Amino acid sequence: MARRNLVGTRGVITGASSGIGRSLAEELIQRRCRIVAAARRAERLNELAKLAENSGAEVIPFIGDLADQEARNQLAATARERLGSLDFLVNNAGMGALGRFEDMPPERLREVMELNFFGVVELTYAVLPLLKSGNRPIIVNVSSILGHRGIPWRSYYCASKFAVQGFSESIRAELSRHGIDVLVVSPGRTETELFEGPLERGIEPAWPEPKPVSPRYVAKKIVKAMIRGKAEIIPHVWGKGMVILSRFCPRLMDWILKRYA
């Protein structure tokens, strides 16, 4: 994979108003990037745009709900009109789903998949011609360690991230002939608003959870991985441990998770 210089590059970041997406946008603003930043909250995107002023960077706010197919098409059109080509695409927008499978309505799964998976696939497809004409282009798909191991209380969320993982591995091989890298980011617990939706508030899983890391920490890891052309990163030490334990001691992992199911 290509080693790249991100200074002055052009790209799209979804879910840019908070959490990992916002921190990554701020990191790339420091590198004078031109960014179409997509999210639903206009005031937060305008803050990013102001931050970019007088820095040599540019943030072009795109306000829209990427769970909607038309919004995804409009985002691709905005990137084409304002940037021409893309050097990076960061698929970061996502939503959580917390609760026991037997208590979760099937409609909730469709909502989660629409944003977490179909949004990733369809936006990637829509901007692929822009990436093909970019400079050492890279697609960054923000997944989760739960794309490696399913756990109780998050069955819908895990399903969406397993889908992102498989999709990313497939297109990494396919798009290599166009010089496009695909980086999968698999964070563990991070200080974000992901599981703060109306259906998740007040739900507390029984298991002990590790202390979350900051979105800034994850964003810096992503930037380093983009520069080095890595295929995947798991930014959390304990997250790596969980993936390794699940891979080499799956029965032990099952036993641990059943205690808290």
C-alpha atoms as a PDB file:
ATOM      1  CA  MET A   1       0.000   0.000   0.000  1.00  0.00           C
ATOM      2  CA  ALA A   2       1.113   3.526  -0.817  1.00  0.00           C
ATOM      3  CA  ARG A   3       2.681   5.873   1.702  1.00  0.00           C
ATOM      4  CA  ARG A   4       0.975   9.226   1.258  1.00  0.00           C
ATOM      5  CA  ASN A   5       1.288  12.870   2.169  1.00  0.00           C
ATOM      6  CA  LEU A   6      -2.060  14.172   3.393  1.00  0.00           C
ATOM      7  CA  VAL A   7      -1.150  17.880   3.237  1.00  0.00           C
ATOM      8  CA  GLY A   8      -3.458  19.712   0.872  1.00  0.00           C
ATOM      9  CA  THR A   9      -5.521  16.650  -0.028  1.00  0.00           C
ATOM     10  CA  ARG A  10      -9.255  16.615  -0.794  1.00  0.00           C
ATOM     11  CA  GLY A  11     -11.866  14.380   0.731  1.00  0.00           C
ATOM     12  CA  VAL A  12     -15.207  13.622   2.324  1.00  0.00           C
ATOM     13  CA  ILE A  13     -15.820  12.845   5.985  1.00  0.00           C
ATOM     14  CA  THR A  14     -19.242  11.650   7.141  1.00  0.00           C
ATOM     15  CA  GLY A  15     -20.387  11.927  10.733  1.00  0.00           C
ATOM     16  CA  ALA A  16     -18.148  14.978  11.021  1.00  0.00           C
ATOM     17  CA  SER A  17     -20.093  16.895  13.658  1.00  0.00           C
ATOM     18  CA  SER A  18     -18.918  14.930  16.704  1.00  0.00           C
ATOM     19  CA  GLY A  19     -16.756  12.120  18.008  1.00  0.00           C
ATOM     20  CA  ILE A  20     -14.171  10.469  15.795  1.00  0.00           C
ATOM     21  CA  GLY A  21     -15.387  12.245  12.656  1.00  0.00           C
ATOM     22  CA  ARG A  22     -15.013  15.708  14.112  1.00  0.00           C
ATOM     23  CA  SER A  23     -11.620  14.970  15.658  1.00  0.00           C
ATOM     24  CA  LEU A  24     -10.388  13.555  12.356  1.00  0.00           C
ATOM     25  CA  ALA A  25     -11.640  16.646  10.502  1.00  0.00           C
ATOM     26  CA  GLU A  26      -9.733  18.845  12.946  1.00  0.00           C
ATOM     27  CA  GLU A  27      -6.570  16.800  12.409  1.00  0.00           C
ATOM     28  CA  LEU A  28      -6.888  17.165   8.635  1.00  0.00           C
ATOM     29  CA  ILE A  29      -7.632  20.884   8.887  1.00  0.00           C
ATOM     30  CA  GLN A  30      -4.165  21.215  10.428  1.00  0.00           C
ATOM     31  CA  ARG A  31      -2.846  19.641   7.225  1.00  0.00           C
ATOM     32  CA  ARG A  32      -4.626  22.237   5.068  1.00  0.00           C
ATOM     33  CA  CYS A  33      -7.028  19.715   3.545  1.00  0.00           C
ATOM     34  CA  ARG A  34     -10.179  20.581   1.628  1.00  0.00           C
ATOM     35  CA  ILE A  35     -13.025  18.636   3.191  1.00  0.00           C
ATOM     36  CA  VAL A  36     -16.703  18.134   2.481  1.00  0.00           C
ATOM     37  CA  ALA A  37     -17.888  17.503   6.040  1.00  0.00           C
ATOM     38  CA  ALA A  38     -21.250  15.763   6.281  1.00  0.00           C
ATOM     39  CA  ALA A  39     -23.584  15.511   9.270  1.00  0.00           C
ATOM     40  CA  ARG A  40     -27.088  16.473  10.389  1.00  0.00           C
ATOM     41  CA  ARG A  41     -26.169  19.321  12.762  1.00  0.00           C
ATOM     42  CA  ALA A  42     -25.507  22.507  10.848  1.00  0.00           C
ATOM     43  CA  GLU A  43     -24.158  24.525  13.760  1.00  0.00           C
ATOM     44  CA  ARG A  44     -21.378  22.015  14.462  1.00  0.00           C
ATOM     45  CA  LEU A  45     -20.361  21.854  10.822  1.00  0.00           C
ATOM     46  CA  ASN A  46     -20.270  25.651  10.677  1.00  0.00           C
ATOM     47  CA  GLU A  47     -17.920  25.597  13.667  1.00  0.00           C
ATOM     48  CA  LEU A  48     -15.587  23.345  11.679  1.00  0.00           C
ATOM     49  CA  ALA A  49     -15.790  25.691   8.700  1.00  0.00           C
ATOM     50  CA  LYS A  50     -14.794  28.640  10.901  1.00  0.00           C
ATOM     51  CA  LEU A  51     -11.939  26.637  12.351  1.00  0.00           C
ATOM     52  CA  ALA A  52     -10.593  26.095   8.839  1.00  0.00           C
ATOM     53  CA  GLU A  53     -10.648  29.795   7.974  1.00  0.00           C
ATOM     54  CA  ASN A  54      -7.217  31.445   7.723  1.00  0.00           C
ATOM     55  CA  SER A  55      -5.497  28.056   8.019  1.00  0.00           C
ATOM     56  CA  GLY A  56      -5.147  27.203   4.350  1.00  0.00           C
ATOM     57  CA  ALA A  57      -7.793  24.497   4.782  1.00  0.00           C
ATOM     58  CA  GLU A  58     -11.405  24.520   3.653  1.00  0.00           C
ATOM     59  CA  VAL A  59     -14.440  22.826   5.167  1.00  0.00           C
ATOM     60  CA  ILE A  60     -17.550  22.642   3.010  1.00  0.00           C
ATOM     61  CA  PRO A  61     -20.535  21.785   5.245  1.00  0.00           C
ATOM     62  CA  PHE A  62     -23.068  19.292   3.934  1.00  0.00           C
ATOM     63  CA  ILE A  63     -26.159  19.029   6.110  1.00  0.00           C
ATOM     64  CA  GLY A  64     -28.122  15.845   5.603  1.00  0.00           C
ATOM     65  CA  ASP A  65     -29.176  12.509   7.043  1.00  0.00           C
ATOM     66  CA  LEU A  66     -27.088   9.856   5.322  1.00  0.00           C
ATOM     67  CA  ALA A  67     -29.609   7.189   6.240  1.00  0.00           C
ATOM     68  CA  ASP A  68     -31.499   8.662   3.279  1.00  0.00           C
ATOM     69  CA  GLN A  69     -30.371   7.519  -0.176  1.00  0.00           C
ATOM     70  CA  GLU A  70     -31.121  10.886  -1.771  1.00  0.00           C
ATOM     71  CA  ALA A  71     -28.888  12.616   0.778  1.00  0.00           C
ATOM     72  CA  ARG A  72     -26.053  10.252  -0.133  1.00  0.00           C
ATOM     73  CA  ASN A  73     -26.492  11.080  -3.811  1.00  0.00           C
ATOM     74  CA  GLN A  74     -26.510  14.801  -3.044  1.00  0.00           C
ATOM     75  CA  LEU A  75     -23.336  14.442  -0.981  1.00  0.00           C
ATOM     76  CA  ALA A  76     -21.581  12.749  -3.904  1.00  0.00           C
ATOM     77  CA  ALA A  77     -22.774  15.515  -6.220  1.00  0.00           C
ATOM     78  CA  THR A  78     -21.471  18.188  -3.825  1.00  0.00           C
ATOM     79  CA  ALA A  79     -18.061  16.497  -3.665  1.00  0.00           C
ATOM     80  CA  ARG A  80     -17.949  16.316  -7.460  1.00  0.00           C
ATOM     81  CA  GLU A  81     -18.914  19.981  -7.857  1.00  0.00           C
ATOM     82  CA  ARG A  82     -16.724  21.463  -5.131  1.00  0.00           C
ATOM     83  CA  LEU A  83     -13.669  19.189  -5.152  1.00  0.00           C
ATOM     84  CA  GLY A  84     -13.616  17.522  -8.566  1.00  0.00           C
ATOM     85  CA  SER A  85     -11.557  14.534  -7.437  1.00  0.00           C
ATOM     86  CA  LEU A  86     -11.168  12.848  -4.058  1.00  0.00           C
ATOM     87  CA  ASP A  87      -7.990  11.724  -2.331  1.00  0.00           C
ATOM     88  CA  PHE A  88      -9.837  10.245   0.632  1.00  0.00           C
ATOM     89  CA  LEU A  89     -13.309   9.133   1.699  1.00  0.00           C
ATOM     90  CA  VAL A  90     -14.012   8.571   5.390  1.00  0.00           C
ATOM     91  CA  ASN A  91     -17.193   6.593   6.028  1.00  0.00           C
ATOM     92  CA  ASN A  92     -17.668   7.385   9.688  1.00  0.00           C
ATOM     93  CA  ALA A  93     -21.389   8.161  10.117  1.00  0.00           C
ATOM     94  CA  GLY A  94     -23.126   5.508  12.161  1.00  0.00           C
ATOM     95  CA  MET A  95     -25.691   4.746  14.818  1.00  0.00           C
ATOM     96  CA  GLY A  96     -25.798   2.380  17.762  1.00  0.00           C
ATOM     97  CA  ALA A  97     -28.395  -0.151  18.843  1.00  0.00           C
ATOM     98  CA  LEU A  98     -28.315  -1.401  22.415  1.00  0.00           C
ATOM     99  CA  GLY A  99     -30.654  -3.998  23.862  1.00  0.00           C
ATOM    100  CA  ARG A 100     -31.487  -7.679  23.989  1.00  0.00           C
ATOM    101  CA  PHE A 101     -32.313  -9.206  20.609  1.00  0.00           C
ATOM    102  CA  GLU A 102     -35.720 -10.442  21.819  1.00  0.00           C
ATOM    103  CA  ASP A 103     -36.660  -6.882  22.851  1.00  0.00           C
ATOM    104  CA  MET A 104     -35.490  -5.093  19.709  1.00  0.00           C
ATOM    105  CA  PRO A 105     -38.013  -4.496  16.914  1.00  0.00           C
ATOM    106  CA  PRO A 106     -36.903  -5.649  13.438  1.00  0.00           C
ATOM    107  CA  GLU A 107     -37.484  -2.110  12.179  1.00  0.00           C
ATOM    108  CA  ARG A 108     -34.557  -1.019  14.305  1.00  0.00           C
ATOM    109  CA  LEU A 109     -32.244  -3.399  12.428  1.00  0.00           C
ATOM    110  CA  ARG A 110     -33.301  -1.850   9.119  1.00  0.00           C
ATOM    111  CA  GLU A 111     -32.503   1.618  10.476  1.00  0.00           C
ATOM    112  CA  VAL A 112     -29.082   0.503  11.679  1.00  0.00           C
ATOM    113  CA  MET A 113     -28.192  -1.283   8.446  1.00  0.00           C
ATOM    114  CA  GLU A 114     -29.402   1.622   6.318  1.00  0.00           C
ATOM    115  CA  LEU A 115     -26.867   4.000   7.844  1.00  0.00           C
ATOM    116  CA  ASN A 116     -24.076   1.741   9.080  1.00  0.00           C
ATOM    117  CA  PHE A 117     -23.860  -0.510   6.032  1.00  0.00           C
ATOM    118  CA  PHE A 118     -25.903   0.623   3.031  1.00  0.00           C
ATOM    119  CA  GLY A 119     -24.763   4.197   3.598  1.00  0.00           C
ATOM    120  CA  VAL A 120     -21.138   3.065   3.418  1.00  0.00           C
ATOM    121  CA  VAL A 121     -21.643   0.935   0.313  1.00  0.00           C
ATOM    122  CA  GLU A 122     -23.757   3.398  -1.665  1.00  0.00           C
ATOM    123  CA  LEU A 123     -21.672   6.474  -0.898  1.00  0.00           C
ATOM    124  CA  THR A 124     -18.491   4.590  -1.794  1.00  0.00           C
ATOM    125  CA  TYR A 125     -20.060   3.523  -5.085  1.00  0.00           C
ATOM    126  CA  ALA A 126     -21.263   7.055  -5.848  1.00  0.00           C
ATOM    127  CA  VAL A 127     -17.862   8.706  -5.355  1.00  0.00           C
ATOM    128  CA  LEU A 128     -15.721   5.899  -6.772  1.00  0.00           C
ATOM    129  CA  PRO A 129     -15.083   7.778 -10.061  1.00  0.00           C
ATOM    130  CA  LEU A 130     -13.827  10.754  -8.027  1.00  0.00           C
ATOM    131  CA  LEU A 131     -11.474   8.502  -6.075  1.00  0.00           C
ATOM    132  CA  LYS A 132     -10.130   6.896  -9.244  1.00  0.00           C
ATOM    133  CA  SER A 133      -8.959  10.320 -10.408  1.00  0.00           C
ATOM    134  CA  GLY A 134      -7.526  11.272  -7.003  1.00  0.00           C
ATOM    135  CA  ASN A 135      -3.923  11.304  -5.801  1.00  0.00           C
ATOM    136  CA  ARG A 136      -3.053   8.038  -4.013  1.00  0.00           C
ATOM    137  CA  PRO A 137      -6.674   7.713  -2.894  1.00  0.00           C
ATOM    138  CA  ILE A 138      -7.801   5.898   0.224  1.00  0.00           C
ATOM    139  CA  ILE A 139     -11.169   4.793   1.601  1.00  0.00           C
ATOM    140  CA  VAL A 140     -11.413   4.771   5.396  1.00  0.00           C
ATOM    141  CA  ASN A 141     -14.282   2.718   6.790  1.00  0.00           C
ATOM    142  CA  VAL A 142     -14.821   3.220  10.501  1.00  0.00           C
ATOM    143  CA  SER A 143     -16.024  -0.139  11.781  1.00  0.00           C
ATOM    144  CA  SER A 144     -15.606  -1.536  15.317  1.00  0.00           C
ATOM    145  CA  ILE A 145     -13.983  -4.372  17.205  1.00  0.00           C
ATOM    146  CA  LEU A 146     -17.570  -5.645  17.237  1.00  0.00           C
ATOM    147  CA  GLY A 147     -17.076  -6.272  13.534  1.00  0.00           C
ATOM    148  CA  HIS A 148     -14.719  -9.041  14.670  1.00  0.00           C
ATOM    149  CA  ARG A 149     -16.658 -10.418  17.618  1.00  0.00           C
ATOM    150  CA  GLY A 150     -20.372 -10.304  18.355  1.00  0.00           C
ATOM    151  CA  ILE A 151     -21.362  -9.608  21.948  1.00  0.00           C
ATOM    152  CA  PRO A 152     -24.651  -9.643  23.871  1.00  0.00           C
ATOM    153  CA  TRP A 153     -26.927  -6.601  23.834  1.00  0.00           C
ATOM    154  CA  ARG A 154     -25.538  -5.307  20.542  1.00  0.00           C
ATOM    155  CA  SER A 155     -26.649  -7.899  17.993  1.00  0.00           C
ATOM    156  CA  TYR A 156     -27.938  -5.368  15.439  1.00  0.00           C
ATOM    157  CA  TYR A 157     -24.900  -3.130  15.742  1.00  0.00           C
ATOM    158  CA  CYS A 158     -22.529  -6.111  15.495  1.00  0.00           C
ATOM    159  CA  ALA A 159     -24.307  -7.360  12.373  1.00  0.00           C
ATOM    160  CA  SER A 160     -23.835  -3.988  10.657  1.00  0.00           C
ATOM    161  CA  LYS A 161     -20.134  -3.856  11.516  1.00  0.00           C
ATOM    162  CA  PHE A 162     -19.501  -7.439  10.406  1.00  0.00           C
ATOM    163  CA  ALA A 163     -21.024  -6.389   7.072  1.00  0.00           C
ATOM    164  CA  VAL A 164     -18.689  -3.376   6.845  1.00  0.00           C
ATOM    165  CA  GLN A 165     -15.715  -5.598   7.630  1.00  0.00           C
ATOM    166  CA  GLY A 166     -16.528  -8.086   4.883  1.00  0.00           C
ATOM    167  CA  PHE A 167     -17.318  -5.380   2.356  1.00  0.00           C
ATOM    168  CA  SER A 168     -14.042  -3.592   3.083  1.00  0.00           C
ATOM    169  CA  GLU A 169     -11.939  -6.731   2.711  1.00  0.00           C
ATOM    170  CA  SER A 170     -13.607  -7.508  -0.619  1.00  0.00           C
ATOM    171  CA  ILE A 171     -13.187  -4.098  -2.209  1.00  0.00           C
ATOM    172  CA  ARG A 172      -9.615  -3.763  -0.896  1.00  0.00           C
ATOM    173  CA  ALA A 173      -8.590  -6.509  -3.291  1.00  0.00           C
ATOM    174  CA  GLU A 174     -10.773  -5.283  -6.150  1.00  0.00           C
ATOM    175  CA  LEU A 175      -9.784  -1.616  -6.008  1.00  0.00           C
ATOM    176  CA  SER A 176      -6.052  -2.220  -5.652  1.00  0.00           C
ATOM    177  CA  ARG A 177      -5.767  -2.237  -9.458  1.00  0.00           C
ATOM    178  CA  HIS A 178      -6.942   1.384  -9.415  1.00  0.00           C
ATOM    179  CA  GLY A 179      -4.371   2.308  -6.772  1.00  0.00           C
ATOM    180  CA  ILE A 180      -7.082   2.808  -4.125  1.00  0.00           C
ATOM    181  CA  ASP A 181      -6.275   1.699  -0.576  1.00  0.00           C
ATOM    182  CA  VAL A 182      -8.946   0.599   1.888  1.00  0.00           C
ATOM    183  CA  LEU A 183      -8.339   1.127   5.597  1.00  0.00           C
ATOM    184  CA  VAL A 184     -10.661  -0.398   8.205  1.00  0.00           C
ATOM    185  CA  VAL A 185     -10.652   1.274  11.606  1.00  0.00           C
ATOM    186  CA  SER A 186     -11.912  -0.973  14.400  1.00  0.00           C
ATOM    187  CA  PRO A 187     -12.157   1.107  17.570  1.00  0.00           C
ATOM    188  CA  GLY A 188     -13.195  -0.204  20.921  1.00  0.00           C
ATOM    189  CA  ARG A 189     -15.009   1.891  23.499  1.00  0.00           C
ATOM    190  CA  THR A 190     -14.650   5.577  22.631  1.00  0.00           C
ATOM    191  CA  GLU A 191     -16.112   8.763  24.095  1.00  0.00           C
ATOM    192  CA  THR A 192     -18.783   9.351  21.447  1.00  0.00           C
ATOM    193  CA  GLU A 193     -22.550   9.862  21.223  1.00  0.00           C
ATOM    194  CA  LEU A 194     -23.040   6.591  19.350  1.00  0.00           C
ATOM    195  CA  PHE A 195     -25.180   4.832  21.955  1.00  0.00           C
ATOM    196  CA  GLU A 196     -27.041   7.895  23.186  1.00  0.00           C
ATOM    197  CA  GLY A 197     -30.141   7.539  21.015  1.00  0.00           C
ATOM    198  CA  PRO A 198     -33.642   7.622  22.541  1.00  0.00           C
ATOM    199  CA  LEU A 199     -33.921   3.827  22.519  1.00  0.00           C
ATOM    200  CA  GLU A 200     -30.562   3.356  24.254  1.00  0.00           C
ATOM    201  CA  ARG A 201     -30.760   5.917  27.057  1.00  0.00           C
ATOM    202  CA  GLY A 202     -31.055   4.330  30.463  1.00  0.00           C
ATOM    203  CA  ILE A 203     -30.023   0.845  29.276  1.00  0.00           C
ATOM    204  CA  GLU A 204     -27.029  -0.451  31.175  1.00  0.00           C
ATOM    205  CA  PRO A 205     -25.491  -3.797  30.126  1.00  0.00           C
ATOM    206  CA  ALA A 206     -24.443  -6.022  32.991  1.00  0.00           C
ATOM    207  CA  TRP A 207     -20.794  -6.447  32.058  1.00  0.00           C
ATOM    208  CA  PRO A 208     -17.935  -4.185  33.203  1.00  0.00           C
ATOM    209  CA  GLU A 209     -16.671  -1.954  30.412  1.00  0.00           C
ATOM    210  CA  PRO A 210     -13.140  -0.547  30.063  1.00  0.00           C
ATOM    211  CA  LYS A 211     -12.458   3.136  30.287  1.00  0.00           C
ATOM    212  CA  PRO A 212     -13.140   4.783  26.915  1.00  0.00           C
ATOM    213  CA  VAL A 213     -10.424   6.524  24.940  1.00  0.00           C
ATOM    214  CA  SER A 214     -10.882   9.977  23.439  1.00  0.00           C
ATOM    215  CA  PRO A 215     -11.939  10.551  19.823  1.00  0.00           C
ATOM    216  CA  ARG A 216      -8.765  12.625  19.407  1.00  0.00           C
ATOM    217  CA  TYR A 217      -6.657   9.587  20.272  1.00  0.00           C
ATOM    218  CA  VAL A 218      -8.435   7.487  17.639  1.00  0.00           C
ATOM    219  CA  ALA A 219      -8.240  10.272  15.036  1.00  0.00           C
ATOM    220  CA  LYS A 220      -4.479  10.564  15.422  1.00  0.00           C
ATOM    221  CA  LYS A 221      -4.154   6.811  14.951  1.00  0.00           C
ATOM    222  CA  ILE A 222      -6.260   7.040  11.791  1.00  0.00           C
ATOM    223  CA  VAL A 223      -4.083   9.797  10.335  1.00  0.00           C
ATOM    224  CA  LYS A 224      -0.927   7.757  10.933  1.00  0.00           C
ATOM    225  CA  ALA A 225      -2.553   4.702   9.347  1.00  0.00           C
ATOM    226  CA  MET A 226      -3.653   6.726   6.298  1.00  0.00           C
ATOM    227  CA  ILE A 227      -0.126   8.044   5.820  1.00  0.00           C
ATOM    228  CA  ARG A 228       1.415   4.588   6.160  1.00  0.00           C
ATOM    229  CA  GLY A 229      -1.166   2.885   3.941  1.00  0.00           C
ATOM    230  CA  LYS A 230      -2.268   0.329   6.510  1.00  0.00           C
ATOM    231  CA  ALA A 231      -5.109  -2.104   5.841  1.00  0.00           C
ATOM    232  CA  GLU A 232      -6.613  -2.111   9.343  1.00  0.00           C
ATOM    233  CA  ILE A 233      -6.002  -0.697  12.785  1.00  0.00           C
ATOM    234  CA  ILE A 234      -7.440  -1.530  16.189  1.00  0.00           C
ATOM    235  CA  PRO A 235      -6.569   1.590  18.185  1.00  0.00           C
ATOM    236  CA  HIS A 236      -7.290   0.120  21.631  1.00  0.00           C
ATOM    237  CA  VAL A 237      -4.909  -2.274  23.383  1.00  0.00           C
ATOM    238  CA  TRP A 238      -7.761  -4.058  25.143  1.00  0.00           C
ATOM    239  CA  GLY A 239      -9.632  -4.233  21.840  1.00  0.00           C
ATOM    240  CA  LYS A 240      -6.709  -6.071  20.269  1.00  0.00           C
ATOM    241  CA  GLY A 241      -6.743  -8.440  23.239  1.00  0.00           C
ATOM    242  CA  MET A 242     -10.427  -9.133  22.760  1.00  0.00           C
ATOM    243  CA  VAL A 243      -9.993  -9.897  19.068  1.00  0.00           C
ATOM    244  CA  ILE A 244      -7.013 -12.185  19.720  1.00  0.00           C
ATOM    245  CA  LEU A 245      -8.812 -14.013  22.533  1.00  0.00           C
ATOM    246  CA  SER A 246     -11.878 -14.487  20.357  1.00  0.00           C
ATOM    247  CA  ARG A 247      -9.810 -15.803  17.448  1.00  0.00           C
ATOM    248  CA  PHE A 248      -7.622 -18.255  19.334  1.00  0.00           C
ATOM    249  CA  CYS A 249      -9.826 -19.110  22.351  1.00  0.00           C
ATOM    250  CA  PRO A 250     -13.388 -18.798  21.032  1.00  0.00           C
ATOM    251  CA  ARG A 251     -14.918 -21.178  23.580  1.00  0.00           C
ATOM    252  CA  LEU A 252     -13.394 -19.208  26.436  1.00  0.00           C
ATOM    253  CA  MET A 253     -14.747 -16.000  24.927  1.00  0.00           C
ATOM    254  CA  ASP A 254     -18.187 -17.573  24.622  1.00  0.00           C
ATOM    255  CA  TRP A 255     -18.064 -18.587  28.278  1.00  0.00           C
ATOM    256  CA  ILE A 256     -17.110 -15.075  29.371  1.00  0.00           C
ATOM    257  CA  LEU A 257     -19.873 -13.419  27.348  1.00  0.00           C
ATOM    258  CA  LYS A 258     -22.552 -15.882  28.512  1.00  0.00           C
ATOM    259  CA  ARG A 259     -21.918 -14.776  32.082  1.00  0.00           C
ATOM    260  CA  TYR A 260     -23.164 -11.296  31.209  1.00  0.00           C
ATOM    261  CA  ALA A 261     -25.847 -12.154  28.645  1.00  0.00           C
END
